[in-house]
Amino acid sequence: MIQHHPDDALLLGYASGTADEAVSLIIATHMSYCSLCRLRSRELEAIGGALLEDILPAPLARTARDNVLAKLDNVQPYERPARPAPSRDSTPAVLRPYIGGDLARVRWRRIGPSLSYVPLFRRGAVAARLLRGVPGADSGLHGHRGLELTLVLQGGYTDVTGSYSPGDLQVMEGDARHNPVADPGEDCINLAVTTGRLAFDSLIQKIAAPLFGF
């Protein structure tokens, strides 16, 4: 059972469309595991729709109608995209376009003997990546210069805040410090989003982290 969920502020940002791409991706991936958050997101969308009904209409510019009609002449015929092949390892559908298919086919980049990663994309200070650690691997004690959202996709990890399993979402920020350690058993694979650099305690990690985009 999923124990760790995004708060209403994150869900509201997702439901209203104001969250950036990386945060939207990790929330949508969490919701592929979590029926409770899917329901809460629909409730927030309904609340937002009700609030929109109370907004007074705004007058349109005189040229609005002509502008819309002019754009209709340039509309391209809709072509339904090919349906992607189903996942063979239950990789969430919303994540598959970002990683090129299933998790089992990801080509990992090694950081050291026990950790690997795959950068997905970066938009300014905001970055999305996959992280993988063998059982017992730790990330190193660190704080945060922004938000760090971590969603477990496979395996699990434990830190000072508790234990996290597939579908659990951890949100850390600011002076909150932790050192996640991969649980025994299978490798721990996470989807991680950061809105600022991590602040590692170890001098070696402080030097190495920027080289890997952390």
C-alpha atoms as a PDB file:
ATOM      1  CA  MET A   1       0.000   0.000   0.000  1.00  0.00           C
ATOM      2  CA  ILE A   2       1.266   3.456  -0.910  1.00  0.00           C
ATOM      3  CA  GLN A   3       2.149   5.456   2.201  1.00  0.00           C
ATOM      4  CA  HIS A   4       3.631   8.691   0.842  1.00  0.00           C
ATOM      5  CA  HIS A   5       1.658  11.070  -1.393  1.00  0.00           C
ATOM      6  CA  PRO A   6       2.007  14.583  -2.876  1.00  0.00           C
ATOM      7  CA  ASP A   7       0.301  17.311  -0.870  1.00  0.00           C
ATOM      8  CA  ASP A   8      -2.671  19.295  -2.170  1.00  0.00           C
ATOM      9  CA  ALA A   9      -0.440  22.121  -3.400  1.00  0.00           C
ATOM     10  CA  LEU A  10       1.387  19.769  -5.765  1.00  0.00           C
ATOM     11  CA  LEU A  11      -1.827  18.090  -6.859  1.00  0.00           C
ATOM     12  CA  LEU A  12      -3.481  21.468  -7.435  1.00  0.00           C
ATOM     13  CA  GLY A  13      -0.552  22.618  -9.571  1.00  0.00           C
ATOM     14  CA  TYR A  14      -0.886  19.460 -11.640  1.00  0.00           C
ATOM     15  CA  ALA A  15      -4.686  19.640 -11.898  1.00  0.00           C
ATOM     16  CA  SER A  16      -4.661  23.329 -12.860  1.00  0.00           C
ATOM     17  CA  GLY A  17      -1.865  22.946 -15.406  1.00  0.00           C
ATOM     18  CA  THR A  18       0.427  25.409 -13.637  1.00  0.00           C
ATOM     19  CA  ALA A  19       3.078  22.843 -12.654  1.00  0.00           C
ATOM     20  CA  ASP A  20       6.126  22.626 -14.899  1.00  0.00           C
ATOM     21  CA  GLU A  21       6.783  19.599 -17.101  1.00  0.00           C
ATOM     22  CA  ALA A  22       9.070  17.768 -14.670  1.00  0.00           C
ATOM     23  CA  VAL A  23       6.755  18.102 -11.665  1.00  0.00           C
ATOM     24  CA  SER A  24       3.752  17.192 -13.829  1.00  0.00           C
ATOM     25  CA  LEU A  25       5.587  14.074 -15.013  1.00  0.00           C
ATOM     26  CA  ILE A  26       6.409  12.823 -11.536  1.00  0.00           C
ATOM     27  CA  ILE A  27       2.897  13.561 -10.208  1.00  0.00           C
ATOM     28  CA  ALA A  28       1.288  11.829 -13.189  1.00  0.00           C
ATOM     29  CA  THR A  29       3.600   8.835 -12.723  1.00  0.00           C
ATOM     30  CA  HIS A  30       2.702   8.657  -9.027  1.00  0.00           C
ATOM     31  CA  MET A  31      -0.985   8.736  -9.919  1.00  0.00           C
ATOM     32  CA  SER A  32      -0.509   5.755 -12.219  1.00  0.00           C
ATOM     33  CA  TYR A  33       0.133   3.826  -8.987  1.00  0.00           C
ATOM     34  CA  CYS A  34      -2.230   5.695  -6.666  1.00  0.00           C
ATOM     35  CA  SER A  35      -6.020   5.675  -7.043  1.00  0.00           C
ATOM     36  CA  LEU A  36      -6.422   8.013  -4.048  1.00  0.00           C
ATOM     37  CA  CYS A  37      -4.429  10.789  -5.720  1.00  0.00           C
ATOM     38  CA  ARG A  38      -6.214  10.243  -9.021  1.00  0.00           C
ATOM     39  CA  LEU A  39      -9.495  10.813  -7.194  1.00  0.00           C
ATOM     40  CA  ARG A  40      -8.153  13.848  -5.332  1.00  0.00           C
ATOM     41  CA  SER A  41      -6.870  15.350  -8.581  1.00  0.00           C
ATOM     42  CA  ARG A  42     -10.303  14.967 -10.186  1.00  0.00           C
ATOM     43  CA  GLU A  43     -11.866  16.653  -7.153  1.00  0.00           C
ATOM     44  CA  LEU A  44      -9.469  19.586  -7.463  1.00  0.00           C
ATOM     45  CA  GLU A  45     -10.212  19.861 -11.185  1.00  0.00           C
ATOM     46  CA  ALA A  46     -13.938  19.973 -10.380  1.00  0.00           C
ATOM     47  CA  ILE A  47     -13.365  22.712  -7.787  1.00  0.00           C
ATOM     48  CA  GLY A  48     -11.363  24.698 -10.319  1.00  0.00           C
ATOM     49  CA  GLY A  49     -14.106  24.283 -12.909  1.00  0.00           C
ATOM     50  CA  ALA A  50     -16.719  25.524 -10.455  1.00  0.00           C
ATOM     51  CA  LEU A  51     -14.600  28.587  -9.669  1.00  0.00           C
ATOM     52  CA  LEU A  52     -14.266  29.363 -13.387  1.00  0.00           C
ATOM     53  CA  GLU A  53     -18.047  29.484 -13.695  1.00  0.00           C
ATOM     54  CA  ASP A  54     -18.114  32.403 -11.249  1.00  0.00           C
ATOM     55  CA  ILE A  55     -15.637  34.495 -13.242  1.00  0.00           C
ATOM     56  CA  LEU A  56     -17.260  37.349 -15.139  1.00  0.00           C
ATOM     57  CA  PRO A  57     -16.844  37.141 -18.937  1.00  0.00           C
ATOM     58  CA  ALA A  58     -14.283  39.454 -20.491  1.00  0.00           C
ATOM     59  CA  PRO A  59     -14.955  41.300 -23.742  1.00  0.00           C
ATOM     60  CA  LEU A  60     -13.085  40.083 -26.829  1.00  0.00           C
ATOM     61  CA  ALA A  61     -11.186  42.315 -29.193  1.00  0.00           C
ATOM     62  CA  ARG A  62     -13.041  43.233 -32.368  1.00  0.00           C
ATOM     63  CA  THR A  63     -10.522  41.279 -34.425  1.00  0.00           C
ATOM     64  CA  ALA A  64     -10.846  38.060 -32.382  1.00  0.00           C
ATOM     65  CA  ARG A  65     -13.399  36.390 -34.699  1.00  0.00           C
ATOM     66  CA  ASP A  66     -11.426  37.201 -37.845  1.00  0.00           C
ATOM     67  CA  ASN A  67      -8.198  35.945 -36.243  1.00  0.00           C
ATOM     68  CA  VAL A  68      -9.788  32.602 -35.358  1.00  0.00           C
ATOM     69  CA  LEU A  69     -11.303  32.160 -38.824  1.00  0.00           C
ATOM     70  CA  ALA A  70      -7.952  32.936 -40.429  1.00  0.00           C
ATOM     71  CA  LYS A  71      -6.242  30.241 -38.366  1.00  0.00           C
ATOM     72  CA  LEU A  72      -8.821  27.646 -39.457  1.00  0.00           C
ATOM     73  CA  ASP A  73      -7.421  27.852 -42.974  1.00  0.00           C
ATOM     74  CA  ASN A  74      -4.084  26.537 -41.686  1.00  0.00           C
ATOM     75  CA  VAL A  75      -5.393  23.603 -39.638  1.00  0.00           C
ATOM     76  CA  GLN A  76      -3.712  20.331 -40.554  1.00  0.00           C
ATOM     77  CA  PRO A  77      -5.765  17.134 -40.735  1.00  0.00           C
ATOM     78  CA  TYR A  78      -5.590  15.101 -37.541  1.00  0.00           C
ATOM     79  CA  GLU A  79      -3.674  11.856 -37.739  1.00  0.00           C
ATOM     80  CA  ARG A  80      -4.150   9.451 -34.878  1.00  0.00           C
ATOM     81  CA  PRO A  81      -0.728   8.453 -33.548  1.00  0.00           C
ATOM     82  CA  ALA A  82       0.176   4.804 -33.592  1.00  0.00           C
ATOM     83  CA  ARG A  83      -0.729   3.042 -30.371  1.00  0.00           C
ATOM     84  CA  PRO A  84       2.466   2.196 -28.471  1.00  0.00           C
ATOM     85  CA  ALA A  85       3.225  -1.419 -27.718  1.00  0.00           C
ATOM     86  CA  PRO A  86       2.177  -2.428 -24.185  1.00  0.00           C
ATOM     87  CA  SER A  87       4.830  -2.437 -21.488  1.00  0.00           C
ATOM     88  CA  ARG A  88       6.438  -5.779 -20.729  1.00  0.00           C
ATOM     89  CA  ASP A  89       7.521  -4.802 -17.217  1.00  0.00           C
ATOM     90  CA  SER A  90       4.640  -2.542 -16.054  1.00  0.00           C
ATOM     91  CA  THR A  91       6.533   0.693 -16.716  1.00  0.00           C
ATOM     92  CA  PRO A  92       3.963   3.507 -16.263  1.00  0.00           C
ATOM     93  CA  ALA A  93       2.626   4.605 -19.659  1.00  0.00           C
ATOM     94  CA  VAL A  94       3.154   8.318 -18.927  1.00  0.00           C
ATOM     95  CA  LEU A  95       6.871   7.696 -18.311  1.00  0.00           C
ATOM     96  CA  ARG A  96       7.610   5.465 -21.312  1.00  0.00           C
ATOM     97  CA  PRO A  97       7.909   8.252 -23.939  1.00  0.00           C
ATOM     98  CA  TYR A  98      10.566   9.938 -21.801  1.00  0.00           C
ATOM     99  CA  ILE A  99      12.739   6.843 -21.457  1.00  0.00           C
ATOM    100  CA  GLY A 100      12.129   5.335 -24.891  1.00  0.00           C
ATOM    101  CA  GLY A 101      10.121   2.327 -23.736  1.00  0.00           C
ATOM    102  CA  ASP A 102      10.403   0.077 -20.715  1.00  0.00           C
ATOM    103  CA  LEU A 103      12.672   0.426 -17.700  1.00  0.00           C
ATOM    104  CA  ALA A 104      14.230  -2.936 -18.558  1.00  0.00           C
ATOM    105  CA  ARG A 105      15.706  -1.395 -21.742  1.00  0.00           C
ATOM    106  CA  VAL A 106      17.169   1.754 -20.186  1.00  0.00           C
ATOM    107  CA  ARG A 107      20.885   2.283 -20.825  1.00  0.00           C
ATOM    108  CA  TRP A 108      22.295   3.436 -17.503  1.00  0.00           C
ATOM    109  CA  ARG A 109      25.253   5.741 -16.919  1.00  0.00           C
ATOM    110  CA  ARG A 110      27.397   4.697 -13.989  1.00  0.00           C
ATOM    111  CA  ILE A 111      28.283   7.173 -11.260  1.00  0.00           C
ATOM    112  CA  GLY A 112      30.266   4.651  -9.215  1.00  0.00           C
ATOM    113  CA  PRO A 113      30.240   0.967  -8.342  1.00  0.00           C
ATOM    114  CA  SER A 114      26.717   1.039  -6.864  1.00  0.00           C
ATOM    115  CA  LEU A 115      24.868   3.987  -8.451  1.00  0.00           C
ATOM    116  CA  SER A 116      23.693   4.780 -11.984  1.00  0.00           C
ATOM    117  CA  TYR A 117      21.530   7.455 -13.538  1.00  0.00           C
ATOM    118  CA  VAL A 118      19.859   8.573 -16.767  1.00  0.00           C
ATOM    119  CA  PRO A 119      19.156  12.291 -17.386  1.00  0.00           C
ATOM    120  CA  LEU A 120      15.716  12.764 -18.921  1.00  0.00           C
ATOM    121  CA  PHE A 121      15.614  16.531 -19.436  1.00  0.00           C
ATOM    122  CA  ARG A 122      16.525  19.865 -17.871  1.00  0.00           C
ATOM    123  CA  ARG A 123      14.567  23.114 -18.068  1.00  0.00           C
ATOM    124  CA  GLY A 124      16.713  25.785 -16.449  1.00  0.00           C
ATOM    125  CA  ALA A 125      17.258  24.776 -12.816  1.00  0.00           C
ATOM    126  CA  VAL A 126      14.616  22.026 -12.999  1.00  0.00           C
ATOM    127  CA  ALA A 127      15.853  18.541 -13.893  1.00  0.00           C
ATOM    128  CA  ALA A 128      14.255  15.118 -14.258  1.00  0.00           C
ATOM    129  CA  ARG A 129      16.296  11.921 -14.137  1.00  0.00           C
ATOM    130  CA  LEU A 130      16.193   8.224 -13.320  1.00  0.00           C
ATOM    131  CA  LEU A 131      18.341   6.921 -10.473  1.00  0.00           C
ATOM    132  CA  ARG A 132      19.350   3.332  -9.790  1.00  0.00           C
ATOM    133  CA  GLY A 133      21.098   1.878  -6.754  1.00  0.00           C
ATOM    134  CA  VAL A 134      22.082  -1.681  -5.919  1.00  0.00           C
ATOM    135  CA  PRO A 135      20.885  -2.981  -2.520  1.00  0.00           C
ATOM    136  CA  GLY A 136      22.685  -1.095   0.230  1.00  0.00           C
ATOM    137  CA  ALA A 137      23.742   1.790  -1.997  1.00  0.00           C
ATOM    138  CA  ASP A 138      23.372   5.265  -0.525  1.00  0.00           C
ATOM    139  CA  SER A 139      23.218   8.644  -2.224  1.00  0.00           C
ATOM    140  CA  GLY A 140      25.287  10.486   0.377  1.00  0.00           C
ATOM    141  CA  LEU A 141      24.061  12.853   3.069  1.00  0.00           C
ATOM    142  CA  HIS A 142      22.714  16.029   1.489  1.00  0.00           C
ATOM    143  CA  GLY A 143      20.399  19.019   1.791  1.00  0.00           C
ATOM    144  CA  HIS A 144      18.560  20.867  -0.938  1.00  0.00           C
ATOM    145  CA  ARG A 145      18.690  24.170  -2.802  1.00  0.00           C
ATOM    146  CA  GLY A 146      15.110  23.754  -3.908  1.00  0.00           C
ATOM    147  CA  LEU A 147      12.623  20.891  -4.061  1.00  0.00           C
ATOM    148  CA  GLU A 148      13.656  17.270  -4.489  1.00  0.00           C
ATOM    149  CA  LEU A 149      10.830  14.904  -5.454  1.00  0.00           C
ATOM    150  CA  THR A 150      11.613  11.188  -5.574  1.00  0.00           C
ATOM    151  CA  LEU A 151       9.205   8.510  -6.772  1.00  0.00           C
ATOM    152  CA  VAL A 152      10.031   4.836  -6.316  1.00  0.00           C
ATOM    153  CA  LEU A 153       9.498   2.756  -9.455  1.00  0.00           C
ATOM    154  CA  GLN A 154      11.164  -0.480  -8.362  1.00  0.00           C
ATOM    155  CA  GLY A 155      12.625  -1.820  -5.132  1.00  0.00           C
ATOM    156  CA  GLY A 156      12.694   0.678  -2.283  1.00  0.00           C
ATOM    157  CA  TYR A 157      14.827   2.798   0.024  1.00  0.00           C
ATOM    158  CA  THR A 158      14.932   4.024   3.609  1.00  0.00           C
ATOM    159  CA  ASP A 159      16.120   7.251   5.211  1.00  0.00           C
ATOM    160  CA  VAL A 160      15.525   9.245   8.381  1.00  0.00           C
ATOM    161  CA  THR A 161      11.971  10.057   7.269  1.00  0.00           C
ATOM    162  CA  GLY A 162      10.842   6.462   6.732  1.00  0.00           C
ATOM    163  CA  SER A 163      10.713   3.708   4.109  1.00  0.00           C
ATOM    164  CA  TYR A 164       9.597   4.134   0.500  1.00  0.00           C
ATOM    165  CA  SER A 165       8.253   1.473  -1.864  1.00  0.00           C
ATOM    166  CA  PRO A 166       6.943   1.498  -5.476  1.00  0.00           C
ATOM    167  CA  GLY A 167       4.480   4.364  -5.930  1.00  0.00           C
ATOM    168  CA  ASP A 168       5.644   6.299  -2.845  1.00  0.00           C
ATOM    169  CA  LEU A 169       6.593   9.934  -3.452  1.00  0.00           C
ATOM    170  CA  GLN A 170       9.038  11.739  -1.177  1.00  0.00           C
ATOM    171  CA  VAL A 171       9.285  15.537  -1.145  1.00  0.00           C
ATOM    172  CA  MET A 172      12.323  17.177   0.471  1.00  0.00           C
ATOM    173  CA  GLU A 173      13.440  20.795   0.461  1.00  0.00           C
ATOM    174  CA  GLY A 174      15.677  23.375   2.075  1.00  0.00           C
ATOM    175  CA  ASP A 175      17.554  22.427   5.225  1.00  0.00           C
ATOM    176  CA  ALA A 176      15.967  18.947   5.411  1.00  0.00           C
ATOM    177  CA  ARG A 177      18.886  16.515   5.113  1.00  0.00           C
ATOM    178  CA  HIS A 178      18.841  12.807   4.418  1.00  0.00           C
ATOM    179  CA  ASN A 179      20.841   9.911   2.996  1.00  0.00           C
ATOM    180  CA  PRO A 180      18.553   7.414   1.215  1.00  0.00           C
ATOM    181  CA  VAL A 181      19.816   3.808   1.352  1.00  0.00           C
ATOM    182  CA  ALA A 182      18.515   1.200  -1.109  1.00  0.00           C
ATOM    183  CA  ASP A 183      16.671  -1.642   0.620  1.00  0.00           C
ATOM    184  CA  PRO A 184      17.809  -5.299   0.409  1.00  0.00           C
ATOM    185  CA  GLY A 185      16.505  -7.356  -2.488  1.00  0.00           C
ATOM    186  CA  GLU A 186      16.238  -5.927  -6.002  1.00  0.00           C
ATOM    187  CA  ASP A 187      17.836  -2.752  -7.299  1.00  0.00           C
ATOM    188  CA  CYS A 188      16.094   0.486  -6.323  1.00  0.00           C
ATOM    189  CA  ILE A 189      14.984   2.557  -9.327  1.00  0.00           C
ATOM    190  CA  ASN A 190      13.577   6.048  -8.794  1.00  0.00           C
ATOM    191  CA  LEU A 191      12.260   8.907 -10.868  1.00  0.00           C
ATOM    192  CA  ALA A 192      13.680  12.107  -9.378  1.00  0.00           C
ATOM    193  CA  VAL A 193      12.925  15.773 -10.011  1.00  0.00           C
ATOM    194  CA  THR A 194      14.977  18.613  -8.550  1.00  0.00           C
ATOM    195  CA  THR A 195      14.364  22.345  -8.805  1.00  0.00           C
ATOM    196  CA  GLY A 196      17.846  23.254  -7.571  1.00  0.00           C
ATOM    197  CA  ARG A 197      21.226  21.679  -6.936  1.00  0.00           C
ATOM    198  CA  LEU A 198      21.703  19.189  -4.111  1.00  0.00           C
ATOM    199  CA  ALA A 199      23.960  20.296  -1.250  1.00  0.00           C
ATOM    200  CA  PHE A 200      26.170  17.311  -0.354  1.00  0.00           C
ATOM    201  CA  ASP A 201      28.113  17.094   2.894  1.00  0.00           C
ATOM    202  CA  SER A 202      31.012  15.068   1.457  1.00  0.00           C
ATOM    203  CA  LEU A 203      33.761  17.104  -0.226  1.00  0.00           C
ATOM    204  CA  ILE A 204      34.188  14.453  -2.939  1.00  0.00           C
ATOM    205  CA  GLN A 205      30.471  14.513  -3.705  1.00  0.00           C
ATOM    206  CA  LYS A 206      30.454  18.312  -3.719  1.00  0.00           C
ATOM    207  CA  ILE A 207      33.108  18.198  -6.449  1.00  0.00           C
ATOM    208  CA  ALA A 208      31.593  15.298  -8.413  1.00  0.00           C
ATOM    209  CA  ALA A 209      27.899  16.265  -8.257  1.00  0.00           C
ATOM    210  CA  PRO A 210      28.051  19.118 -10.819  1.00  0.00           C
ATOM    211  CA  LEU A 211      29.840  16.807 -13.268  1.00  0.00           C
ATOM    212  CA  PHE A 212      26.756  14.562 -13.304  1.00  0.00           C
ATOM    213  CA  GLY A 213      24.223  17.391 -13.204  1.00  0.00           C
ATOM    214  CA  PHE A 214      23.185  16.994  -9.556  1.00  0.00           C
END
